[in-house]
Amino acid sequence: MEDKKRKAVVITQYKRAGRLGPFQIKSKCAECDLNTHHLKRLIDVHFREESVELEIKPWLDHFFFCLLRGALHPPIIMVNGKVFFQFTPRHPLFEQGRLITLVNRLLGGNRTRSPIL
């Protein structure tokens, strides 16, 4: 029996949720939900047949992991363990064209799909 192949590109979003010791986040985050929607759509439209995986994790459960990589404020998006985006009031959404370009480069192909959704 063959082992399941590991995805070539893993996009991880850390949402404002989770638990750390006595602290727990119970409220919803509109920016996190909006970014999740955009990530799912981007993968469905541009990378449907590619080896790209989306993981969604609670930020507070992984607080120290994010902090060690220089990311503090959710939503945080990492590509293969490296910070791609973190929320700021001036830039509440990630740049989809930049993410498409980065993923295409990581996949190793010279794909020429439009970065516009």
C-alpha atoms as a PDB file:
ATOM      1  CA  MET A   1       0.000   0.000   0.000  1.00  0.00           C
ATOM      2  CA  GLU A   2       1.384   3.397  -0.992  1.00  0.00           C
ATOM      3  CA  ASP A   3       1.686   6.217   1.499  1.00  0.00           C
ATOM      4  CA  LYS A   4      -0.415   9.242   0.771  1.00  0.00           C
ATOM      5  CA  LYS A   5       1.712  11.927  -0.896  1.00  0.00           C
ATOM      6  CA  ARG A   6       2.394  15.077   1.096  1.00  0.00           C
ATOM      7  CA  LYS A   7       1.009  18.240  -0.450  1.00  0.00           C
ATOM      8  CA  ALA A   8       3.621  20.377  -2.180  1.00  0.00           C
ATOM      9  CA  VAL A   9       2.205  23.637  -0.805  1.00  0.00           C
ATOM     10  CA  VAL A  10       0.438  24.003   2.534  1.00  0.00           C
ATOM     11  CA  ILE A  11      -1.404  27.252   3.213  1.00  0.00           C
ATOM     12  CA  THR A  12      -2.216  27.634   6.905  1.00  0.00           C
ATOM     13  CA  GLN A  13      -4.568  30.240   8.301  1.00  0.00           C
ATOM     14  CA  TYR A  14      -4.539  31.000  12.010  1.00  0.00           C
ATOM     15  CA  LYS A  15      -7.940  32.373  13.011  1.00  0.00           C
ATOM     16  CA  ARG A  16      -8.807  34.362  16.112  1.00  0.00           C
ATOM     17  CA  ALA A  17      -9.944  31.423  18.227  1.00  0.00           C
ATOM     18  CA  GLY A  18      -8.616  28.850  20.649  1.00  0.00           C
ATOM     19  CA  ARG A  19      -7.482  28.367  24.223  1.00  0.00           C
ATOM     20  CA  LEU A  20      -4.229  28.984  26.061  1.00  0.00           C
ATOM     21  CA  GLY A  21      -4.234  28.141  29.771  1.00  0.00           C
ATOM     22  CA  PRO A  22      -7.110  30.011  31.440  1.00  0.00           C
ATOM     23  CA  PHE A  23      -7.671  32.222  28.383  1.00  0.00           C
ATOM     24  CA  GLN A  24     -10.209  31.358  25.722  1.00  0.00           C
ATOM     25  CA  ILE A  25     -11.432  33.280  22.682  1.00  0.00           C
ATOM     26  CA  LYS A  26     -15.165  32.849  22.179  1.00  0.00           C
ATOM     27  CA  SER A  27     -16.067  35.771  19.907  1.00  0.00           C
ATOM     28  CA  LYS A  28     -16.256  35.667  16.111  1.00  0.00           C
ATOM     29  CA  CYS A  29     -13.781  37.465  13.845  1.00  0.00           C
ATOM     30  CA  ALA A  30     -15.223  38.914  10.633  1.00  0.00           C
ATOM     31  CA  GLU A  31     -11.783  39.452   9.077  1.00  0.00           C
ATOM     32  CA  CYS A  32     -10.819  35.830   9.773  1.00  0.00           C
ATOM     33  CA  ASP A  33     -14.025  34.537   8.195  1.00  0.00           C
ATOM     34  CA  LEU A  34     -13.580  36.779   5.159  1.00  0.00           C
ATOM     35  CA  ASN A  35      -9.977  35.638   4.665  1.00  0.00           C
ATOM     36  CA  THR A  36     -11.039  31.991   5.035  1.00  0.00           C
ATOM     37  CA  HIS A  37     -13.682  32.478   2.343  1.00  0.00           C
ATOM     38  CA  HIS A  38     -11.129  34.080  -0.008  1.00  0.00           C
ATOM     39  CA  LEU A  39      -8.569  31.313   0.595  1.00  0.00           C
ATOM     40  CA  LYS A  40     -11.089  28.528  -0.066  1.00  0.00           C
ATOM     41  CA  ARG A  41     -12.310  30.234  -3.237  1.00  0.00           C
ATOM     42  CA  LEU A  42      -8.762  30.884  -4.437  1.00  0.00           C
ATOM     43  CA  ILE A  43      -7.820  27.227  -4.010  1.00  0.00           C
ATOM     44  CA  ASP A  44     -11.047  26.026  -5.675  1.00  0.00           C
ATOM     45  CA  VAL A  45     -10.612  28.344  -8.657  1.00  0.00           C
ATOM     46  CA  HIS A  46      -6.853  28.424  -9.236  1.00  0.00           C
ATOM     47  CA  PHE A  47      -5.418  25.292  -7.639  1.00  0.00           C
ATOM     48  CA  ARG A  48      -8.209  22.721  -7.865  1.00  0.00           C
ATOM     49  CA  GLU A  49      -6.035  20.117  -9.572  1.00  0.00           C
ATOM     50  CA  GLU A  50      -2.755  21.097  -7.925  1.00  0.00           C
ATOM     51  CA  SER A  51      -1.174  19.762  -4.756  1.00  0.00           C
ATOM     52  CA  VAL A  52      -2.219  22.690  -2.539  1.00  0.00           C
ATOM     53  CA  GLU A  53      -3.732  22.127   0.899  1.00  0.00           C
ATOM     54  CA  LEU A  54      -5.514  24.598   3.187  1.00  0.00           C
ATOM     55  CA  GLU A  55      -5.271  24.198   6.962  1.00  0.00           C
ATOM     56  CA  ILE A  56      -7.263  26.355   9.354  1.00  0.00           C
ATOM     57  CA  LYS A  57      -6.038  26.435  12.948  1.00  0.00           C
ATOM     58  CA  PRO A  58      -6.982  28.373  16.084  1.00  0.00           C
ATOM     59  CA  TRP A  59      -4.468  31.147  16.707  1.00  0.00           C
ATOM     60  CA  LEU A  60      -4.392  31.034  20.509  1.00  0.00           C
ATOM     61  CA  ASP A  61      -3.606  27.295  20.517  1.00  0.00           C
ATOM     62  CA  HIS A  62      -0.584  28.049  18.304  1.00  0.00           C
ATOM     63  CA  PHE A  63       0.318  31.444  19.780  1.00  0.00           C
ATOM     64  CA  PHE A  64       3.984  30.683  20.462  1.00  0.00           C
ATOM     65  CA  PHE A  65       4.490  29.054  17.047  1.00  0.00           C
ATOM     66  CA  CYS A  66       3.184  32.214  15.354  1.00  0.00           C
ATOM     67  CA  LEU A  67       5.112  34.511  17.682  1.00  0.00           C
ATOM     68  CA  LEU A  68       8.406  32.728  16.933  1.00  0.00           C
ATOM     69  CA  ARG A  69       7.806  33.434  13.250  1.00  0.00           C
ATOM     70  CA  GLY A  70       7.126  37.124  13.849  1.00  0.00           C
ATOM     71  CA  ALA A  71       3.350  37.031  13.504  1.00  0.00           C
ATOM     72  CA  LEU A  72       1.185  38.286  16.327  1.00  0.00           C
ATOM     73  CA  HIS A  73      -2.204  39.502  15.117  1.00  0.00           C
ATOM     74  CA  PRO A  74      -4.693  37.097  13.532  1.00  0.00           C
ATOM     75  CA  PRO A  75      -5.746  36.356  10.903  1.00  0.00           C
ATOM     76  CA  ILE A  76      -2.325  35.079   9.968  1.00  0.00           C
ATOM     77  CA  ILE A  77      -1.592  33.230   6.735  1.00  0.00           C
ATOM     78  CA  MET A  78       1.522  31.089   6.395  1.00  0.00           C
ATOM     79  CA  VAL A  79       2.706  29.292   3.282  1.00  0.00           C
ATOM     80  CA  ASN A  80       4.828  26.221   4.026  1.00  0.00           C
ATOM     81  CA  GLY A  81       5.493  27.541   7.532  1.00  0.00           C
ATOM     82  CA  LYS A  82       6.585  31.051   6.513  1.00  0.00           C
ATOM     83  CA  VAL A  83       4.510  34.143   7.240  1.00  0.00           C
ATOM     84  CA  PHE A  84       2.789  35.479   4.139  1.00  0.00           C
ATOM     85  CA  PHE A  85       0.233  37.805   5.746  1.00  0.00           C
ATOM     86  CA  GLN A  86      -0.971  39.067   9.081  1.00  0.00           C
ATOM     87  CA  PHE A  87      -3.832  41.435   9.762  1.00  0.00           C
ATOM     88  CA  THR A  88      -3.308  45.159  10.122  1.00  0.00           C
ATOM     89  CA  PRO A  89      -6.078  47.775  10.172  1.00  0.00           C
ATOM     90  CA  ARG A  90      -4.671  49.278   6.960  1.00  0.00           C
ATOM     91  CA  HIS A  91      -4.522  45.896   5.196  1.00  0.00           C
ATOM     92  CA  PRO A  92      -7.351  43.682   6.472  1.00  0.00           C
ATOM     93  CA  LEU A  93      -7.168  41.286   3.472  1.00  0.00           C
ATOM     94  CA  PHE A  94      -4.236  39.500   1.870  1.00  0.00           C
ATOM     95  CA  GLU A  95      -3.204  40.215  -1.715  1.00  0.00           C
ATOM     96  CA  GLN A  96      -4.576  37.326  -3.742  1.00  0.00           C
ATOM     97  CA  GLY A  97      -2.365  37.986  -6.767  1.00  0.00           C
ATOM     98  CA  ARG A  98       0.796  37.790  -4.632  1.00  0.00           C
ATOM     99  CA  LEU A  99      -0.390  34.528  -3.067  1.00  0.00           C
ATOM    100  CA  ILE A 100      -1.155  32.992  -6.472  1.00  0.00           C
ATOM    101  CA  THR A 101       2.288  34.007  -7.742  1.00  0.00           C
ATOM    102  CA  LEU A 102       4.014  32.566  -4.657  1.00  0.00           C
ATOM    103  CA  VAL A 103       2.127  29.258  -4.818  1.00  0.00           C
ATOM    104  CA  ASN A 104       2.820  28.925  -8.551  1.00  0.00           C
ATOM    105  CA  ARG A 105       6.517  29.492  -7.890  1.00  0.00           C
ATOM    106  CA  LEU A 106       6.508  26.882  -5.101  1.00  0.00           C
ATOM    107  CA  LEU A 107       4.734  24.394  -7.351  1.00  0.00           C
ATOM    108  CA  GLY A 108       7.619  24.854  -9.770  1.00  0.00           C
ATOM    109  CA  GLY A 109       5.534  25.569 -12.808  1.00  0.00           C
ATOM    110  CA  ASN A 110       5.331  28.553 -15.073  1.00  0.00           C
ATOM    111  CA  ARG A 111       1.571  28.578 -14.962  1.00  0.00           C
ATOM    112  CA  THR A 112      -0.007  31.637 -16.533  1.00  0.00           C
ATOM    113  CA  ARG A 113      -3.401  31.859 -14.904  1.00  0.00           C
ATOM    114  CA  SER A 114      -4.791  35.271 -14.177  1.00  0.00           C
ATOM    115  CA  PRO A 115      -4.362  36.410 -10.554  1.00  0.00           C
ATOM    116  CA  ILE A 116      -7.723  38.170 -10.675  1.00  0.00           C
ATOM    117  CA  LEU A 117     -10.633  36.390  -9.052  1.00  0.00           C
END
